[in-house]
Amino acid sequence: MSKIIVAILLGIIQGLTEFLPVSSSGHLEITAFILKYFGNSGLPEENLLMTVVLHAATALSTLYIFRKEVSEIIRGILQFKWNNEFKFSLKIILSMIPAALVGLIFDEQIDALFGGQILLVGCMLILTGLLLYVADKAKNTNTNVSYSNSILIGIAQAIAILPGISRSGATISVSVLLGIDREKAAKFSFLMVVPLILGKMAKDILSGEIASESTTLIPLIAGFIAAFITGLLACKWMISLVKNSQLKYFSFYCFIVGALAIVFSTF
């Protein structure tokens, strides 16, 4: 299979699953496993670089859609005034702490969970499906995110580091179960991950591993464009779905894919 086609495929998967509650890491693991199963190793010399590029694309799509909210967060941080913007910025920072700590302390252990652990991915997808199904039954409210909520949502994001647990699914579901307004929960979920994505990208770049990789520019560009465009569409679609209480359909999808992954892992 052409590297450009594989890059576009990975970009579409990343763009869709970064925002839709079906686990981007889990789907990328399954895709890589299937490609390898059929004798195609994908982009072996560009794995880390491609990962950074795809995450950059989805981060950029988030920043574009929430450019107004992002500008308010930046103003809130720079003004150092106890206003709504600064309070929201503080909540975003609080939500980042659990995942940042887990990533720093258990970096090697987390890496060991990736690279073909399809059985784990399948089990975690089913767990994601259960969480989405329960959250879909919760009543909608007009409640804002509180400081304690921020930490609890951040813990959900930290747990979602596991391949197969959807980050957006976990954080939005926990937010809804805490009684937070659905639309506000979705926006908070998408905004809280941007600093972590940028931090992870910086860590990968500074590690020096990317510099040692040979680079083929066209597949990287193709993957970036595919991830950015699908990310824009998926983000807007997800906000609408959360508002209209349609998470249960994704729970069914996670059940099916998770079950297939478990079955496929046995062969």
Foldseek 3Di string as FASTA:
>chain_A
DDLLVLLLVLLQLLLQQLQQQFFSLQVVLVVCVVCVVVPHNRCVLCVLVLVLLSLVLLLVLLCVVVVVLVVLLVCLVVVPDPDPSVQLVVLLVLLQVLQVVCCVPCVVVLVVLGDNVLLQLLVQLLVLLVLLQVLLPFDADADAQDSVLSNVLSNQQNVSSRGNGRNLSSSLSSCSVVRHHNLNSSSSSSVSCSVVSVVVSVVSVVVCSNVPGDDDPSSSVSSSVSNNVSNNVNSVVSSVCSNVSNSNVSSVVSNVSSVVSNVVSVD
